[in-house]
Amino acid sequence: MGKIHTATCKCGYHAIVRVGGNRRTFTTNSLFPFYCDKCGLVSVNFRNTPIHCPKCESLDVKEYGKHPVSIESTNFPVVQCFNYGAHKKGNLCPDCKEMTLEFQSADISFD
């Protein structure tokens, strides 16, 4: 089951992030937030190889939860899908380019 999270920054940036997939297609379509230099925060299907931006098709995407777009932490991730995980604080904001983007837990699921 997939979840819908929010990403916000003190600069005013706000985005909806889809994570995971539904029970019928999760083996071929599972989403996780990545950073694209051209498009910013995008939900990428990490089941597609090579992993690429769904908007511009760029292969230069970086997984949130890992350096250089997130400050790595030993805390439990707020956004998680299989082996992918991102923490609440310390993520790169696509607008202000500061490490102030925060992910919020999802209250909404999709299937």
N, C-alpha and C. Protein backbone atom coordinates (compact mmCIF):
# COMPACT_ATOMS: atom_id res chain seq x y z
N MET A 1 0.84 -1.17 0.00
CA MET A 1 0.00 0.00 0.00
C MET A 1 0.89 1.24 0.00
N GLY A 2 0.53 2.20 -0.84
CA GLY A 2 1.29 3.42 -0.91
C GLY A 2 0.78 4.47 0.06
N LYS A 3 1.60 5.48 0.29
CA LYS A 3 1.23 6.56 1.19
C LYS A 3 1.53 7.90 0.52
N ILE A 4 0.76 8.90 0.95
CA ILE A 4 0.99 10.25 0.47
C ILE A 4 1.54 11.08 1.62
N HIS A 5 2.72 11.64 1.41
CA HIS A 5 3.41 12.46 2.41
C HIS A 5 3.43 13.91 1.92
N THR A 6 3.76 14.81 2.81
CA THR A 6 3.98 16.20 2.42
C THR A 6 5.43 16.57 2.68
N ALA A 7 5.91 17.50 1.89
CA ALA A 7 7.25 18.05 2.07
C ALA A 7 7.10 19.56 2.15
N THR A 8 7.64 20.16 3.21
CA THR A 8 7.52 21.60 3.40
C THR A 8 8.86 22.20 3.81
N CYS A 9 8.99 23.49 3.54
CA CYS A 9 10.21 24.21 3.92
C CYS A 9 9.80 25.55 4.51
N LYS A 10 10.66 26.09 5.35
CA LYS A 10 10.38 27.40 5.96
C LYS A 10 10.34 28.52 4.93
N CYS A 11 10.87 28.29 3.72
CA CYS A 11 10.83 29.30 2.66
C CYS A 11 9.46 29.39 2.01
N GLY A 12 8.57 28.45 2.36
CA GLY A 12 7.23 28.44 1.78
C GLY A 12 6.98 27.32 0.80
N TYR A 13 8.02 26.57 0.46
CA TYR A 13 7.86 25.45 -0.47
C TYR A 13 6.95 24.39 0.14
N HIS A 14 6.07 23.82 -0.68
CA HIS A 14 5.16 22.76 -0.24
C HIS A 14 4.94 21.80 -1.41
N ALA A 15 5.02 20.50 -1.14
CA ALA A 15 4.78 19.51 -2.19
C ALA A 15 4.14 18.27 -1.59
N ILE A 16 3.42 17.55 -2.43
CA ILE A 16 2.84 16.26 -2.08
C ILE A 16 3.76 15.19 -2.67
N VAL A 17 4.06 14.17 -1.87
CA VAL A 17 4.98 13.12 -2.31
C VAL A 17 4.29 11.76 -2.18
N ARG A 18 4.23 11.04 -3.29
CA ARG A 18 3.68 9.68 -3.26
C ARG A 18 4.83 8.71 -3.03
N VAL A 19 4.58 7.75 -2.11
CA VAL A 19 5.62 6.78 -1.74
C VAL A 19 5.00 5.39 -1.78
N GLY A 20 5.72 4.45 -2.37
CA GLY A 20 5.25 3.07 -2.45
C GLY A 20 4.41 2.84 -3.69
N GLY A 21 3.62 1.78 -3.64
CA GLY A 21 2.79 1.42 -4.77
C GLY A 21 1.53 0.73 -4.30
N ASN A 22 0.72 0.28 -5.23
CA ASN A 22 -0.48 -0.43 -4.82
C ASN A 22 -0.25 -1.94 -4.83
N ARG A 23 -1.17 -2.70 -4.31
CA ARG A 23 -0.93 -4.14 -4.13
C ARG A 23 -0.85 -4.90 -5.44
N ARG A 24 -1.38 -4.35 -6.50
CA ARG A 24 -1.32 -5.04 -7.79
C ARG A 24 -0.04 -4.76 -8.57
N THR A 25 0.52 -3.58 -8.39
CA THR A 25 1.66 -3.20 -9.24
C THR A 25 2.93 -2.84 -8.48
N PHE A 26 2.99 -3.06 -7.16
CA PHE A 26 4.15 -2.59 -6.40
C PHE A 26 5.46 -3.24 -6.85
N THR A 27 5.41 -4.39 -7.51
CA THR A 27 6.65 -5.02 -7.96
C THR A 27 7.20 -4.36 -9.22
N THR A 28 6.37 -3.60 -9.92
CA THR A 28 6.82 -2.90 -11.12
C THR A 28 6.70 -1.38 -11.01
N ASN A 29 5.95 -0.90 -10.01
CA ASN A 29 5.75 0.54 -9.86
C ASN A 29 5.71 0.90 -8.37
N SER A 30 6.86 1.30 -7.85
CA SER A 30 6.97 1.76 -6.46
C SER A 30 7.70 3.09 -6.46
N LEU A 31 7.13 4.06 -5.77
CA LEU A 31 7.64 5.43 -5.80
C LEU A 31 8.40 5.81 -4.54
N PHE A 32 9.36 6.71 -4.71
CA PHE A 32 10.10 7.28 -3.58
C PHE A 32 10.59 8.66 -4.01
N PRO A 33 10.71 9.62 -3.05
CA PRO A 33 11.17 10.96 -3.43
C PRO A 33 12.65 11.01 -3.80
N PHE A 34 12.90 11.64 -4.93
CA PHE A 34 14.26 11.88 -5.42
C PHE A 34 14.37 13.36 -5.76
N TYR A 35 15.59 13.83 -5.90
CA TYR A 35 15.84 15.21 -6.31
C TYR A 35 16.43 15.20 -7.72
N CYS A 36 15.80 15.95 -8.60
CA CYS A 36 16.29 16.13 -9.97
C CYS A 36 16.80 17.57 -10.07
N ASP A 37 18.01 17.76 -10.61
CA ASP A 37 18.57 19.11 -10.73
C ASP A 37 17.68 20.03 -11.56
N LYS A 38 16.96 19.49 -12.52
CA LYS A 38 16.12 20.31 -13.39
C LYS A 38 14.70 20.47 -12.84
N CYS A 39 14.12 19.40 -12.28
CA CYS A 39 12.70 19.40 -11.89
C CYS A 39 12.45 19.53 -10.40
N GLY A 40 13.48 19.39 -9.56
CA GLY A 40 13.31 19.49 -8.12
C GLY A 40 12.88 18.17 -7.50
N LEU A 41 11.95 18.23 -6.56
CA LEU A 41 11.45 17.05 -5.85
C LEU A 41 10.47 16.30 -6.74
N VAL A 42 10.76 15.03 -7.00
CA VAL A 42 9.89 14.20 -7.83
C VAL A 42 9.73 12.82 -7.18
N SER A 43 8.58 12.21 -7.41
CA SER A 43 8.36 10.83 -6.98
C SER A 43 8.79 9.92 -8.13
N VAL A 44 9.86 9.16 -7.90
CA VAL A 44 10.47 8.34 -8.94
C VAL A 44 10.09 6.87 -8.74
N ASN A 45 9.77 6.20 -9.83
CA ASN A 45 9.53 4.77 -9.78
C ASN A 45 10.90 4.08 -9.74
N PHE A 46 11.30 3.62 -8.55
CA PHE A 46 12.62 3.01 -8.42
C PHE A 46 12.66 1.58 -8.96
N ARG A 47 11.54 1.06 -9.41
CA ARG A 47 11.51 -0.26 -10.05
C ARG A 47 11.97 -0.18 -11.51
N ASN A 48 11.89 1.03 -12.10
CA ASN A 48 12.40 1.22 -13.46
C ASN A 48 13.91 1.32 -13.42
N THR A 49 14.57 0.63 -14.31
CA THR A 49 16.02 0.78 -14.41
C THR A 49 16.35 1.19 -15.83
N PRO A 50 17.22 2.14 -15.99
CA PRO A 50 17.84 2.89 -14.92
C PRO A 50 16.84 3.87 -14.28
N ILE A 51 17.09 4.20 -13.02
CA ILE A 51 16.24 5.16 -12.31
C ILE A 51 16.39 6.52 -12.97
N HIS A 52 15.26 7.18 -13.26
CA HIS A 52 15.29 8.46 -13.96
C HIS A 52 14.13 9.33 -13.52
N CYS A 53 14.24 10.62 -13.82
CA CYS A 53 13.19 11.59 -13.49
C CYS A 53 11.96 11.32 -14.36
N PRO A 54 10.78 11.25 -13.75
CA PRO A 54 9.57 10.99 -14.53
C PRO A 54 9.13 12.18 -15.39
N LYS A 55 9.67 13.37 -15.10
CA LYS A 55 9.28 14.57 -15.85
C LYS A 55 10.19 14.83 -17.04
N CYS A 56 11.50 14.85 -16.81
CA CYS A 56 12.44 15.22 -17.88
C CYS A 56 13.28 14.05 -18.37
N GLU A 57 13.11 12.88 -17.74
CA GLU A 57 13.83 11.65 -18.12
C GLU A 57 15.32 11.68 -17.77
N SER A 58 15.79 12.68 -17.03
CA SER A 58 17.19 12.76 -16.64
C SER A 58 17.58 11.58 -15.76
N LEU A 59 18.78 11.08 -15.97
CA LEU A 59 19.32 10.02 -15.12
C LEU A 59 20.02 10.60 -13.90
N ASP A 60 20.17 11.93 -13.88
CA ASP A 60 20.86 12.60 -12.77
C ASP A 60 19.86 12.92 -11.66
N VAL A 61 19.39 11.89 -10.97
CA VAL A 61 18.48 12.05 -9.84
C VAL A 61 19.18 11.50 -8.59
N LYS A 62 18.87 12.14 -7.46
CA LYS A 62 19.51 11.76 -6.20
C LYS A 62 18.42 11.40 -5.19
N GLU A 63 18.63 10.30 -4.53
CA GLU A 63 17.66 9.76 -3.57
C GLU A 63 17.65 10.57 -2.28
N TYR A 64 16.46 11.04 -1.87
CA TYR A 64 16.35 11.67 -0.57
C TYR A 64 16.62 10.61 0.50
N GLY A 65 17.26 11.04 1.57
CA GLY A 65 17.67 10.11 2.62
C GLY A 65 19.16 9.81 2.55
N LYS A 66 19.80 10.23 1.46
CA LYS A 66 21.23 9.99 1.27
C LYS A 66 21.92 11.28 0.87
N HIS A 67 23.22 11.34 1.17
CA HIS A 67 24.05 12.46 0.76
C HIS A 67 24.07 12.50 -0.77
N PRO A 68 24.00 13.60 -1.44
CA PRO A 68 24.18 14.97 -1.00
C PRO A 68 22.87 15.73 -0.76
N VAL A 69 21.69 15.10 -0.92
CA VAL A 69 20.44 15.85 -0.78
C VAL A 69 19.80 15.69 0.59
N SER A 70 20.42 14.90 1.45
CA SER A 70 19.92 14.73 2.82
C SER A 70 21.09 14.57 3.77
N ILE A 71 20.91 15.07 4.97
CA ILE A 71 21.88 14.83 6.03
C ILE A 71 21.55 13.46 6.60
N GLU A 72 22.48 12.54 6.49
CA GLU A 72 22.20 11.18 6.93
C GLU A 72 22.08 11.13 8.45
N SER A 73 21.18 10.29 8.93
CA SER A 73 20.86 10.20 10.34
C SER A 73 20.67 8.75 10.74
N THR A 74 20.84 8.48 12.00
CA THR A 74 20.60 7.12 12.50
C THR A 74 19.19 6.98 13.05
N ASN A 75 18.42 8.07 13.06
CA ASN A 75 17.03 8.02 13.52
C ASN A 75 16.17 7.22 12.54
N PHE A 76 15.01 6.78 13.00
CA PHE A 76 14.09 6.04 12.16
C PHE A 76 13.54 6.96 11.07
N PRO A 77 13.55 6.53 9.80
CA PRO A 77 13.04 7.40 8.73
C PRO A 77 11.54 7.65 8.83
N VAL A 78 11.11 8.83 8.40
CA VAL A 78 9.70 9.20 8.37
C VAL A 78 9.06 8.68 7.08
N VAL A 79 9.82 8.74 6.00
CA VAL A 79 9.37 8.26 4.70
C VAL A 79 10.15 6.99 4.40
N GLN A 80 9.45 5.88 4.19
CA GLN A 80 10.16 4.62 3.97
C GLN A 80 9.40 3.73 3.00
N CYS A 81 10.16 3.07 2.12
CA CYS A 81 9.61 2.09 1.20
C CYS A 81 10.72 1.11 0.85
N PHE A 82 10.54 -0.14 1.26
CA PHE A 82 11.54 -1.18 1.07
C PHE A 82 12.88 -0.71 1.65
N ASN A 83 13.96 -0.66 0.86
CA ASN A 83 15.27 -0.26 1.38
C ASN A 83 15.52 1.25 1.29
N TYR A 84 14.53 2.01 0.89
CA TYR A 84 14.65 3.46 0.78
C TYR A 84 14.08 4.11 2.03
N GLY A 85 14.75 5.15 2.52
CA GLY A 85 14.26 5.85 3.70
C GLY A 85 14.79 7.27 3.77
N ALA A 86 13.93 8.20 4.16
CA ALA A 86 14.33 9.60 4.33
C ALA A 86 13.81 10.10 5.68
N HIS A 87 14.61 10.94 6.30
CA HIS A 87 14.27 11.46 7.63
C HIS A 87 13.47 12.74 7.54
N LYS A 88 12.86 13.07 8.64
CA LYS A 88 11.99 14.25 8.70
C LYS A 88 12.74 15.53 8.36
N LYS A 89 13.88 15.75 8.96
CA LYS A 89 14.61 17.02 8.80
C LYS A 89 15.93 16.80 8.06
N GLY A 90 16.48 17.91 7.56
CA GLY A 90 17.80 17.88 6.95
C GLY A 90 17.81 17.45 5.50
N ASN A 91 16.80 17.89 4.74
CA ASN A 91 16.71 17.54 3.32
C ASN A 91 16.79 18.80 2.47
N LEU A 92 17.32 18.66 1.25
CA LEU A 92 17.51 19.78 0.35
C LEU A 92 16.18 20.28 -0.20
N CYS A 93 15.93 21.57 -0.01
CA CYS A 93 14.72 22.20 -0.55
C CYS A 93 14.99 22.56 -2.01
N PRO A 94 14.10 22.17 -2.92
CA PRO A 94 14.31 22.51 -4.33
C PRO A 94 14.19 24.01 -4.64
N ASP A 95 13.54 24.77 -3.77
CA ASP A 95 13.39 26.21 -4.02
C ASP A 95 14.55 27.04 -3.47
N CYS A 96 14.78 26.96 -2.16
CA CYS A 96 15.80 27.81 -1.55
C CYS A 96 17.19 27.17 -1.51
N LYS A 97 17.28 25.89 -1.85
CA LYS A 97 18.55 25.14 -1.90
C LYS A 97 19.24 25.02 -0.54
N GLU A 98 18.46 25.16 0.54
CA GLU A 98 18.97 24.95 1.90
C GLU A 98 18.55 23.55 2.36
N MET A 99 19.21 23.04 3.38
CA MET A 99 18.88 21.72 3.92
C MET A 99 17.77 21.84 4.97
N THR A 100 16.68 22.49 4.57
CA THR A 100 15.59 22.80 5.51
C THR A 100 14.26 22.16 5.11
N LEU A 101 14.26 21.28 4.12
CA LEU A 101 13.03 20.60 3.72
C LEU A 101 12.68 19.54 4.75
N GLU A 102 11.41 19.50 5.14
CA GLU A 102 10.95 18.49 6.11
C GLU A 102 9.85 17.64 5.49
N PHE A 103 9.97 16.34 5.69
CA PHE A 103 8.93 15.41 5.28
C PHE A 103 8.01 15.16 6.46
N GLN A 104 6.72 15.10 6.19
CA GLN A 104 5.72 14.81 7.23
C GLN A 104 5.13 13.43 6.97
N SER A 105 4.84 12.73 8.05
CA SER A 105 4.23 11.40 7.94
C SER A 105 2.90 11.49 7.23
N ALA A 106 2.55 10.42 6.57
CA ALA A 106 1.31 10.38 5.80
C ALA A 106 0.14 9.92 6.64
N ASP A 107 -0.99 10.55 6.41
CA ASP A 107 -2.25 10.09 6.99
C ASP A 107 -3.13 9.49 5.90
N ILE A 108 -2.69 9.65 4.65
CA ILE A 108 -3.47 9.18 3.51
C ILE A 108 -2.74 8.03 2.84
N SER A 109 -3.46 6.96 2.56
CA SER A 109 -2.90 5.81 1.85
C SER A 109 -3.63 5.64 0.53
N PHE A 110 -2.95 4.99 -0.41
CA PHE A 110 -3.61 4.66 -1.68
C PHE A 110 -3.32 3.22 -2.02
N ASP A 111 -4.22 2.62 -2.79
CA ASP A 111 -4.03 1.23 -3.18
C ASP A 111 -4.53 0.99 -4.57
